[in-house]
C-alpha cells in the first residue's frame, strides 16, 4: 500500500509542477489565482499523502494549516476584486 501512495504522491507532484505554467502565462489575475489555488490543493494532497506514508503527523497538521490559509487567500482576492469593481463603477458614474 505504501508503494501505491508514494506513486500517487509522485503523480500529484508532477501535476502541481505542470500547474505552474498557467501562473506564469495566465492572461488575467483570476486565471492566475485559480492556478495558484489548484497548486495549493495539490500541495495539500501531497502533504497528506506524505504524512500517511511516513507516519509523520506533523505533515498532516501543516497540510490542514495550508488549507485554512488558502481559504483566507481566496477571500482576500475576491474582496480586492470587489473593491476594484466598486471603484470602477463609482468612477464611471461620475463621467455620465
PDB file of N, CA and C in Angstrom:
ATOM      1  N   UNK A   1       0.819  -1.195   0.000  1.00  0.00           N
ATOM      2  CA  UNK A   1       0.000   0.000   0.000  1.00  0.00           C
ATOM      3  C   UNK A   1       0.863   1.260   0.000  1.00  0.00           C
ATOM      4  N   UNK A   2       1.990   1.216   0.679  1.00  0.00           N
ATOM      5  CA  UNK A   2       2.875   2.379   0.739  1.00  0.00           C
ATOM      6  C   UNK A   2       3.423   2.723  -0.643  1.00  0.00           C
ATOM      7  N   UNK A   3       3.675   1.692  -1.466  1.00  0.00           N
ATOM      8  CA  UNK A   3       4.176   1.952  -2.816  1.00  0.00           C
ATOM      9  C   UNK A   3       3.141   2.687  -3.658  1.00  0.00           C
ATOM     10  N   UNK A   4       1.883   2.300  -3.516  1.00  0.00           N
ATOM     11  CA  UNK A   4       0.817   2.961  -4.261  1.00  0.00           C
ATOM     12  C   UNK A   4       0.676   4.417  -3.828  1.00  0.00           C
ATOM     13  N   UNK A   5       0.711   4.651  -2.525  1.00  0.00           N
ATOM     14  CA  UNK A   5       0.598   6.017  -2.031  1.00  0.00           C
ATOM     15  C   UNK A   5       1.791   6.877  -2.452  1.00  0.00           C
ATOM     16  N   UNK A   6       2.972   6.277  -2.497  1.00  0.00           N
ATOM     17  CA  UNK A   6       4.162   7.001  -2.951  1.00  0.00           C
ATOM     18  C   UNK A   6       4.051   7.338  -4.436  1.00  0.00           C
ATOM     19  N   UNK A   7       3.522   6.396  -5.235  1.00  0.00           N
ATOM     20  CA  UNK A   7       3.314   6.659  -6.665  1.00  0.00           C
ATOM     21  C   UNK A   7       2.275   7.761  -6.854  1.00  0.00           C
ATOM     22  N   UNK A   8       1.218   7.738  -6.065  1.00  0.00           N
ATOM     23  CA  UNK A   8       0.201   8.793  -6.142  1.00  0.00           C
ATOM     24  C   UNK A   8       0.809  10.135  -5.753  1.00  0.00           C
ATOM     25  N   UNK A   9       1.681  10.139  -4.769  1.00  0.00           N
ATOM     26  CA  UNK A   9       2.367  11.359  -4.353  1.00  0.00           C
ATOM     27  C   UNK A   9       3.219  11.913  -5.487  1.00  0.00           C
ATOM     28  N   UNK A  10       3.948  11.043  -6.159  1.00  0.00           N
ATOM     29  CA  UNK A  10       4.760  11.472  -7.301  1.00  0.00           C
ATOM     30  C   UNK A  10       3.910  12.037  -8.425  1.00  0.00           C
ATOM     31  N   UNK A  11       2.784  11.390  -8.710  1.00  0.00           N
ATOM     32  CA  UNK A  11       1.880  11.864  -9.762  1.00  0.00           C
ATOM     33  C   UNK A  11       1.335  13.250  -9.411  1.00  0.00           C
ATOM     34  N   UNK A  12       0.935  13.428  -8.181  1.00  0.00           N
ATOM     35  CA  UNK A  12       0.399  14.730  -7.757  1.00  0.00           C
ATOM     36  C   UNK A  12       1.468  15.810  -7.867  1.00  0.00           C
ATOM     37  N   UNK A  13       2.699  15.504  -7.492  1.00  0.00           N
ATOM     38  CA  UNK A  13       3.771  16.492  -7.589  1.00  0.00           C
ATOM     39  C   UNK A  13       4.066  16.877  -9.038  1.00  0.00           C
ATOM     40  N   UNK A  14       3.981  15.912  -9.958  1.00  0.00           N
ATOM     41  CA  UNK A  14       4.172  16.215 -11.376  1.00  0.00           C
ATOM     42  C   UNK A  14       3.047  17.122 -11.872  1.00  0.00           C
ATOM     43  N   UNK A  15       1.815  16.840 -11.473  1.00  0.00           N
ATOM     44  CA  UNK A  15       0.689  17.669 -11.897  1.00  0.00           C
ATOM     45  C   UNK A  15       0.778  19.079 -11.308  1.00  0.00           C
ATOM     46  N   UNK A  16       1.273  19.184 -10.087  1.00  0.00           N
ATOM     47  CA  UNK A  16       1.458  20.500  -9.472  1.00  0.00           C
ATOM     48  C   UNK A  16       2.527  21.279 -10.241  1.00  0.00           C
ATOM     49  N   UNK A  17       3.591  20.605 -10.643  1.00  0.00           N
ATOM     50  CA  UNK A  17       4.640  21.274 -11.423  1.00  0.00           C
ATOM     51  C   UNK A  17       4.083  21.756 -12.760  1.00  0.00           C
ATOM     52  N   UNK A  18       3.234  20.971 -13.387  1.00  0.00           N
ATOM     53  CA  UNK A  18       2.612  21.396 -14.644  1.00  0.00           C
ATOM     54  C   UNK A  18       1.648  22.555 -14.421  1.00  0.00           C
ATOM     55  N   UNK A  19       1.114  22.663 -13.227  1.00  0.00           N
ATOM     56  CA  UNK A  19       0.206  23.756 -12.902  1.00  0.00           C
ATOM     57  C   UNK A  19       0.903  25.098 -12.787  1.00  0.00           C
ATOM     58  N   UNK A  20       2.217  25.107 -12.750  1.00  0.00           N
ATOM     59  CA  UNK A  20       2.950  26.370 -12.695  1.00  0.00           C
ATOM     60  C   UNK A  20       2.856  27.143 -14.009  1.00  0.00           C
ATOM     61  N   UNK A  21       2.619  26.451 -15.107  1.00  0.00           N
ATOM     62  CA  UNK A  21       2.562  27.111 -16.419  1.00  0.00           C
ATOM     63  C   UNK A  21       1.457  28.168 -16.472  1.00  0.00           C
ATOM     64  N   UNK A  22       0.216  27.869 -16.059  1.00  0.00           N
ATOM     65  CA  UNK A  22      -0.807  28.918 -16.114  1.00  0.00           C
ATOM     66  C   UNK A  22      -0.519  30.119 -15.208  1.00  0.00           C
ATOM     67  N   UNK A  23       0.203  29.900 -14.124  1.00  0.00           N
ATOM     68  CA  UNK A  23       0.527  31.023 -13.246  1.00  0.00           C
ATOM     69  C   UNK A  23       1.473  31.979 -13.966  1.00  0.00           C
ATOM     70  N   UNK A  24       2.421  31.429 -14.667  1.00  0.00           N
ATOM     71  CA  UNK A  24       3.395  32.268 -15.347  1.00  0.00           C
ATOM     72  C   UNK A  24       2.841  32.891 -16.629  1.00  0.00           C
ATOM     73  N   UNK A  25       1.904  32.217 -17.284  1.00  0.00           N
ATOM     74  CA  UNK A  25       1.422  32.683 -18.573  1.00  0.00           C
ATOM     75  C   UNK A  25      -0.050  33.057 -18.587  1.00  0.00           C
ATOM     76  N   UNK A  26      -0.705  33.037 -17.435  1.00  0.00           N
ATOM     77  CA  UNK A  26      -2.135  33.297 -17.383  1.00  0.00           C
ATOM     78  C   UNK A  26      -2.496  34.671 -17.924  1.00  0.00           C
ATOM     79  N   UNK A  27      -3.611  34.746 -18.656  1.00  0.00           N
ATOM     80  CA  UNK A  27      -3.981  36.031 -19.233  1.00  0.00           C
ATOM     81  C   UNK A  27      -4.527  37.042 -18.221  1.00  0.00           C
ATOM     82  N   UNK A  28      -5.054  36.575 -17.112  1.00  0.00           N
ATOM     83  CA  UNK A  28      -5.635  37.508 -16.153  1.00  0.00           C
ATOM     84  C   UNK A  28      -5.342  37.112 -14.725  1.00  0.00           C
ATOM     85  N   UNK A  29      -5.688  38.026 -13.826  1.00  0.00           N
ATOM     86  CA  UNK A  29      -5.451  37.764 -12.410  1.00  0.00           C
ATOM     87  C   UNK A  29      -6.291  36.600 -11.898  1.00  0.00           C
ATOM     88  N   UNK A  30      -7.527  36.503 -12.372  1.00  0.00           N
ATOM     89  CA  UNK A  30      -8.399  35.422 -11.903  1.00  0.00           C
ATOM     90  C   UNK A  30      -7.855  34.064 -12.339  1.00  0.00           C
ATOM     91  N   UNK A  31      -7.323  33.987 -13.555  1.00  0.00           N
ATOM     92  CA  UNK A  31      -6.743  32.730 -14.022  1.00  0.00           C
ATOM     93  C   UNK A  31      -5.532  32.345 -13.187  1.00  0.00           C
ATOM     94  N   UNK A  32      -4.736  33.318 -12.849  1.00  0.00           N
ATOM     95  CA  UNK A  32      -3.565  33.042 -12.026  1.00  0.00           C
ATOM     96  C   UNK A  32      -3.958  32.622 -10.613  1.00  0.00           C
ATOM     97  N   UNK A  33      -5.005  33.243 -10.077  1.00  0.00           N
ATOM     98  CA  UNK A  33      -5.456  32.876  -8.739  1.00  0.00           C
ATOM     99  C   UNK A  33      -6.008  31.454  -8.737  1.00  0.00           C
ATOM    100  N   UNK A  34      -6.755  31.092  -9.769  1.00  0.00           N
ATOM    101  CA  UNK A  34      -7.293  29.730  -9.844  1.00  0.00           C
ATOM    102  C   UNK A  34      -6.164  28.706  -9.973  1.00  0.00           C
ATOM    103  N   UNK A  35      -5.131  29.028 -10.747  1.00  0.00           N
ATOM    104  CA  UNK A  35      -3.988  28.128 -10.870  1.00  0.00           C
ATOM    105  C   UNK A  35      -3.250  28.012  -9.536  1.00  0.00           C
ATOM    106  N   UNK A  36      -3.121  29.120  -8.827  1.00  0.00           N
ATOM    107  CA  UNK A  36      -2.470  29.073  -7.512  1.00  0.00           C
ATOM    108  C   UNK A  36      -3.288  28.233  -6.534  1.00  0.00           C
ATOM    109  N   UNK A  37      -4.603  28.335  -6.600  1.00  0.00           N
ATOM    110  CA  UNK A  37      -5.456  27.508  -5.739  1.00  0.00           C
ATOM    111  C   UNK A  37      -5.309  26.028  -6.091  1.00  0.00           C
ATOM    112  N   UNK A  38      -5.202  25.739  -7.395  1.00  0.00           N
ATOM    113  CA  UNK A  38      -5.005  24.352  -7.821  1.00  0.00           C
ATOM    114  C   UNK A  38      -3.683  23.800  -7.308  1.00  0.00           C
ATOM    115  N   UNK A  39      -2.640  24.603  -7.384  1.00  0.00           N
ATOM    116  CA  UNK A  39      -1.336  24.175  -6.877  1.00  0.00           C
ATOM    117  C   UNK A  39      -1.391  23.990  -5.365  1.00  0.00           C
ATOM    118  N   UNK A  40      -2.094  24.880  -4.679  1.00  0.00           N
ATOM    119  CA  UNK A  40      -2.241  24.730  -3.229  1.00  0.00           C
ATOM    120  C   UNK A  40      -2.977  23.459  -2.855  1.00  0.00           C
ATOM    121  N   UNK A  41      -4.017  23.145  -3.609  1.00  0.00           N
ATOM    122  CA  UNK A  41      -4.762  21.916  -3.350  1.00  0.00           C
ATOM    123  C   UNK A  41      -3.887  20.695  -3.592  1.00  0.00           C
ATOM    124  N   UNK A  42      -3.108  20.735  -4.663  1.00  0.00           N
ATOM    125  CA  UNK A  42      -2.187  19.628  -4.934  1.00  0.00           C
ATOM    126  C   UNK A  42      -1.123  19.497  -3.861  1.00  0.00           C
ATOM    127  N   UNK A  43      -0.632  20.630  -3.387  1.00  0.00           N
ATOM    128  CA  UNK A  43       0.357  20.591  -2.310  1.00  0.00           C
ATOM    129  C   UNK A  43      -0.206  20.026  -1.019  1.00  0.00           C
ATOM    130  N   UNK A  44      -1.451  20.374  -0.737  1.00  0.00           N
ATOM    131  CA  UNK A  44      -2.110  19.840   0.456  1.00  0.00           C
ATOM    132  C   UNK A  44      -2.283  18.330   0.329  1.00  0.00           C
ATOM    133  N   UNK A  45      -2.712  17.886  -0.853  1.00  0.00           N
ATOM    134  CA  UNK A  45      -2.867  16.443  -1.080  1.00  0.00           C
ATOM    135  C   UNK A  45      -1.528  15.728  -0.949  1.00  0.00           C
ATOM    136  N   UNK A  46      -0.473  16.336  -1.486  1.00  0.00           N
ATOM    137  CA  UNK A  46       0.855  15.727  -1.388  1.00  0.00           C
ATOM    138  C   UNK A  46       1.310  15.628   0.068  1.00  0.00           C
ATOM    139  N   UNK A  47       1.075  16.679   0.839  1.00  0.00           N
ATOM    140  CA  UNK A  47       1.463  16.631   2.253  1.00  0.00           C
ATOM    141  C   UNK A  47       0.662  15.588   3.026  1.00  0.00           C
ATOM    142  N   UNK A  48      -0.630  15.466   2.716  1.00  0.00           N
ATOM    143  CA  UNK A  48      -1.440  14.449   3.390  1.00  0.00           C
ATOM    144  C   UNK A  48      -0.950  13.049   3.055  1.00  0.00           C
ATOM    145  N   UNK A  49      -0.628  12.819   1.780  1.00  0.00           N
ATOM    146  CA  UNK A  49      -0.091  11.505   1.403  1.00  0.00           C
ATOM    147  C   UNK A  49       1.267  11.255   2.040  1.00  0.00           C
ATOM    148  N   UNK A  50       2.103  12.285   2.052  1.00  0.00           N
ATOM    149  CA  UNK A  50       3.426  12.143   2.669  1.00  0.00           C
ATOM    150  C   UNK A  50       3.310  11.822   4.149  1.00  0.00           C
ATOM    151  N   UNK A  51       2.419  12.507   4.834  1.00  0.00           N
ATOM    152  CA  UNK A  51       2.217  12.241   6.261  1.00  0.00           C
ATOM    153  C   UNK A  51       1.689  10.846   6.509  1.00  0.00           C
ATOM    154  N   UNK A  52       0.843  10.351   5.597  1.00  0.00           N
ATOM    155  CA  UNK A  52       0.303   8.999   5.752  1.00  0.00           C
ATOM    156  C   UNK A  52       1.368   7.947   5.476  1.00  0.00           C
ATOM    157  N   UNK A  53       2.158   8.135   4.424  1.00  0.00           N
ATOM    158  CA  UNK A  53       3.179   7.152   4.054  1.00  0.00           C
ATOM    159  C   UNK A  53       4.281   7.081   5.100  1.00  0.00           C
ATOM    160  N   UNK A  54       4.750   8.241   5.566  1.00  0.00           N
ATOM    161  CA  UNK A  54       5.873   8.249   6.506  1.00  0.00           C
ATOM    162  C   UNK A  54       5.447   8.117   7.964  1.00  0.00           C
ATOM    163  N   UNK A  55       4.171   8.336   8.228  1.00  0.00           N
ATOM    164  CA  UNK A  55       3.695   8.254   9.608  1.00  0.00           C
ATOM    165  C   UNK A  55       4.042   9.471  10.433  1.00  0.00           C
ATOM    166  N   UNK A  56       4.259  10.605   9.766  1.00  0.00           N
ATOM    167  CA  UNK A  56       4.598  11.850  10.459  1.00  0.00           C
ATOM    168  C   UNK A  56       3.326  12.687  10.583  1.00  0.00           C
ATOM    169  N   UNK A  57       2.771  12.787  11.781  1.00  0.00           N
ATOM    170  CA  UNK A  57       1.525  13.552  11.927  1.00  0.00           C
ATOM    171  C   UNK A  57       1.703  15.054  11.725  1.00  0.00           C
ATOM    172  N   UNK A  58       2.923  15.556  11.853  1.00  0.00           N
ATOM    173  CA  UNK A  58       3.153  16.991  11.661  1.00  0.00           C
ATOM    174  C   UNK A  58       2.876  17.410  10.219  1.00  0.00           C
ATOM    175  N   UNK A  59       3.119  16.522   9.254  1.00  0.00           N
ATOM    176  CA  UNK A  59       2.844  16.845   7.849  1.00  0.00           C
ATOM    177  C   UNK A  59       1.346  17.037   7.631  1.00  0.00           C
ATOM    178  N   UNK A  60       0.542  16.267   8.318  1.00  0.00           N
ATOM    179  CA  UNK A  60      -0.912  16.405   8.210  1.00  0.00           C
ATOM    180  C   UNK A  60      -1.352  17.732   8.826  1.00  0.00           C
ATOM    181  N   UNK A  61      -0.741  18.117   9.944  1.00  0.00           N
ATOM    182  CA  UNK A  61      -1.059  19.402  10.566  1.00  0.00           C
ATOM    183  C   UNK A  61      -0.692  20.568   9.652  1.00  0.00           C
ATOM    184  N   UNK A  62       0.454  20.471   8.992  1.00  0.00           N
ATOM    185  CA  UNK A  62       0.874  21.523   8.063  1.00  0.00           C
ATOM    186  C   UNK A  62      -0.096  21.600   6.887  1.00  0.00           C
ATOM    187  N   UNK A  63      -0.542  20.453   6.388  1.00  0.00           N
ATOM    188  CA  UNK A  63      -1.488  20.434   5.269  1.00  0.00           C
ATOM    189  C   UNK A  63      -2.806  21.103   5.658  1.00  0.00           C
ATOM    190  N   UNK A  64      -3.289  20.825   6.828  1.00  0.00           N
ATOM    191  CA  UNK A  64      -4.541  21.440   7.270  1.00  0.00           C
ATOM    192  C   UNK A  64      -4.382  22.945   7.484  1.00  0.00           C
ATOM    193  N   UNK A  65      -3.218  23.361   7.962  1.00  0.00           N
ATOM    194  CA  UNK A  65      -2.954  24.787   8.126  1.00  0.00           C
ATOM    195  C   UNK A  65      -2.906  25.486   6.771  1.00  0.00           C
ATOM    196  N   UNK A  66      -2.283  24.856   5.791  1.00  0.00           N
ATOM    197  CA  UNK A  66      -2.245  25.428   4.445  1.00  0.00           C
ATOM    198  C   UNK A  66      -3.637  25.520   3.836  1.00  0.00           C
ATOM    199  N   UNK A  67      -4.486  24.551   4.109  1.00  0.00           N
ATOM    200  CA  UNK A  67      -5.858  24.602   3.607  1.00  0.00           C
ATOM    201  C   UNK A  67      -6.598  25.798   4.199  1.00  0.00           C
ATOM    202  N   UNK A  68      -6.373  26.060   5.455  1.00  0.00           N
ATOM    203  CA  UNK A  68      -7.005  27.212   6.100  1.00  0.00           C
ATOM    204  C   UNK A  68      -6.487  28.524   5.515  1.00  0.00           C
ATOM    205  N   UNK A  69      -5.181  28.613   5.290  1.00  0.00           N
ATOM    206  CA  UNK A  69      -4.604  29.823   4.710  1.00  0.00           C
ATOM    207  C   UNK A  69      -5.075  30.036   3.271  1.00  0.00           C
ATOM    208  N   UNK A  70      -5.268  28.960   2.517  1.00  0.00           N
ATOM    209  CA  UNK A  70      -5.754  29.081   1.139  1.00  0.00           C
ATOM    210  C   UNK A  70      -7.159  29.665   1.111  1.00  0.00           C
ATOM    211  N   UNK A  71      -7.966  29.325   2.093  1.00  0.00           N
ATOM    212  CA  UNK A  71      -9.307  29.891   2.180  1.00  0.00           C
ATOM    213  C   UNK A  71      -9.242  31.399   2.382  1.00  0.00           C
ATOM    214  N   UNK A  72      -8.376  31.843   3.271  1.00  0.00           N
ATOM    215  CA  UNK A  72      -8.230  33.278   3.502  1.00  0.00           C
ATOM    216  C   UNK A  72      -7.678  33.999   2.275  1.00  0.00           C
ATOM    217  N   UNK A  73      -6.790  33.344   1.534  1.00  0.00           N
ATOM    218  CA  UNK A  73      -6.245  33.955   0.319  1.00  0.00           C
ATOM    219  C   UNK A  73      -7.342  34.148  -0.718  1.00  0.00           C
ATOM    220  N   UNK A  74      -8.224  33.181  -0.848  1.00  0.00           N
ATOM    221  CA  UNK A  74      -9.338  33.308  -1.802  1.00  0.00           C
ATOM    222  C   UNK A  74     -10.274  34.435  -1.397  1.00  0.00           C
ATOM    223  N   UNK A  75     -10.570  34.526  -0.131  1.00  0.00           N
ATOM    224  CA  UNK A  75     -11.462  35.586   0.347  1.00  0.00           C
ATOM    225  C   UNK A  75     -10.826  36.954   0.107  1.00  0.00           C
ATOM    226  N   UNK A  76      -9.541  37.086   0.374  1.00  0.00           N
ATOM    227  CA  UNK A  76      -8.855  38.367   0.157  1.00  0.00           C
ATOM    228  C   UNK A  76      -8.853  38.738  -1.318  1.00  0.00           C
ATOM    229  N   UNK A  77      -8.661  37.764  -2.201  1.00  0.00           N
ATOM    230  CA  UNK A  77      -8.667  38.034  -3.637  1.00  0.00           C
ATOM    231  C   UNK A  77     -10.029  38.522  -4.097  1.00  0.00           C
ATOM    232  N   UNK A  78     -11.085  37.885  -3.616  1.00  0.00           N
ATOM    233  CA  UNK A  78     -12.443  38.281  -4.016  1.00  0.00           C
ATOM    234  C   UNK A  78     -12.771  39.669  -3.478  1.00  0.00           C
ATOM    235  N   UNK A  79     -12.392  39.955  -2.235  1.00  0.00           N
ATOM    236  CA  UNK A  79     -12.662  41.284  -1.667  1.00  0.00           C
ATOM    237  C   UNK A  79     -11.908  42.370  -2.425  1.00  0.00           C
ATOM    238  N   UNK A  80     -10.677  42.096  -2.816  1.00  0.00           N
ATOM    239  CA  UNK A  80      -9.910  43.072  -3.574  1.00  0.00           C
ATOM    240  C   UNK A  80     -10.572  43.322  -4.928  1.00  0.00           C
ATOM    241  N   UNK A  81     -10.993  42.273  -5.590  1.00  0.00           N
ATOM    242  CA  UNK A  81     -11.662  42.428  -6.876  1.00  0.00           C
ATOM    243  C   UNK A  81     -12.983  43.159  -6.753  1.00  0.00           C
ATOM    244  N   UNK A  82     -13.705  42.888  -5.696  1.00  0.00           N
ATOM    245  CA  UNK A  82     -14.988  43.558  -5.476  1.00  0.00           C
ATOM    246  C   UNK A  82     -14.783  45.048  -5.223  1.00  0.00           C
ATOM    247  N   UNK A  83     -13.780  45.400  -4.413  1.00  0.00           N
ATOM    248  CA  UNK A  83     -13.493  46.810  -4.152  1.00  0.00           C
ATOM    249  C   UNK A  83     -13.057  47.510  -5.435  1.00  0.00           C
ATOM    250  N   UNK A  84     -12.304  46.808  -6.254  1.00  0.00           N
ATOM    251  CA  UNK A  84     -11.862  47.382  -7.524  1.00  0.00           C
ATOM    252  C   UNK A  84     -13.051  47.627  -8.439  1.00  0.00           C
ATOM    253  N   UNK A  85     -14.012  46.712  -8.468  1.00  0.00           N
ATOM    254  CA  UNK A  85     -15.210  46.892  -9.284  1.00  0.00           C
ATOM    255  C   UNK A  85     -16.050  48.061  -8.784  1.00  0.00           C
ATOM    256  N   UNK A  86     -16.195  48.179  -7.475  1.00  0.00           N
ATOM    257  CA  UNK A  86     -16.967  49.290  -6.919  1.00  0.00           C
ATOM    258  C   UNK A  86     -16.310  50.629  -7.234  1.00  0.00           C
ATOM    259  N   UNK A  87     -14.993  50.684  -7.222  1.00  0.00           N
ATOM    260  CA  UNK A  87     -14.270  51.902  -7.572  1.00  0.00           C
ATOM    261  C   UNK A  87     -14.499  52.256  -9.039  1.00  0.00           C
ATOM    262  N   UNK A  88     -14.458  51.234  -9.906  1.00  0.00           N
ATOM    263  CA  UNK A  88     -14.687  51.469 -11.335  1.00  0.00           C
ATOM    264  C   UNK A  88     -16.118  51.947 -11.585  1.00  0.00           C
ATOM    265  N   UNK A  89     -17.076  51.394 -10.873  1.00  0.00           N
ATOM    266  CA  UNK A  89     -18.470  51.815 -11.053  1.00  0.00           C
ATOM    267  C   UNK A  89     -18.677  53.247 -10.579  1.00  0.00           C
ATOM    268  N   UNK A  90     -18.037  53.612  -9.492  1.00  0.00           N
ATOM    269  CA  UNK A  90     -18.170  54.993  -8.982  1.00  0.00           C
ATOM    270  C   UNK A  90     -17.534  55.985  -9.958  1.00  0.00           C
ATOM    271  N   UNK A  91     -16.420  55.599 -10.537  1.00  0.00           N
ATOM    272  CA  UNK A  91     -15.732  56.468 -11.489  1.00  0.00           C
ATOM    273  C   UNK A  91     -16.551  56.627 -12.771  1.00  0.00           C
ATOM    274  N   UNK A  92     -17.118  55.521 -13.252  1.00  0.00           N
ATOM    275  CA  UNK A  92     -17.899  55.598 -14.494  1.00  0.00           C
ATOM    276  C   UNK A  92     -19.212  56.351 -14.251  1.00  0.00           C
ATOM    277  N   UNK A  93     -19.742  56.321 -13.037  1.00  0.00           N
ATOM    278  CA  UNK A  93     -20.964  57.062 -12.718  1.00  0.00           C
ATOM    279  C   UNK A  93     -20.724  58.559 -12.704  1.00  0.00           C
ATOM    280  N   UNK A  94     -19.530  58.979 -12.332  1.00  0.00           N
ATOM    281  CA  UNK A  94     -19.202  60.406 -12.315  1.00  0.00           C
ATOM    282  C   UNK A  94     -19.031  60.959 -13.724  1.00  0.00           C
ATOM    283  N   UNK A  95     -18.624  60.083 -14.661  1.00  0.00           N
ATOM    284  CA  UNK A  95     -18.383  60.522 -16.027  1.00  0.00           C
ATOM    285  C   UNK A  95     -19.688  60.799 -16.787  1.00  0.00           C
ATOM    286  N   UNK A  96     -20.790  60.273 -16.313  1.00  0.00           N
ATOM    287  CA  UNK A  96     -22.061  60.427 -17.035  1.00  0.00           C
ATOM    288  C   UNK A  96     -22.629  61.764 -16.907  1.00  0.00           C
TER     289      UNK A  96
END
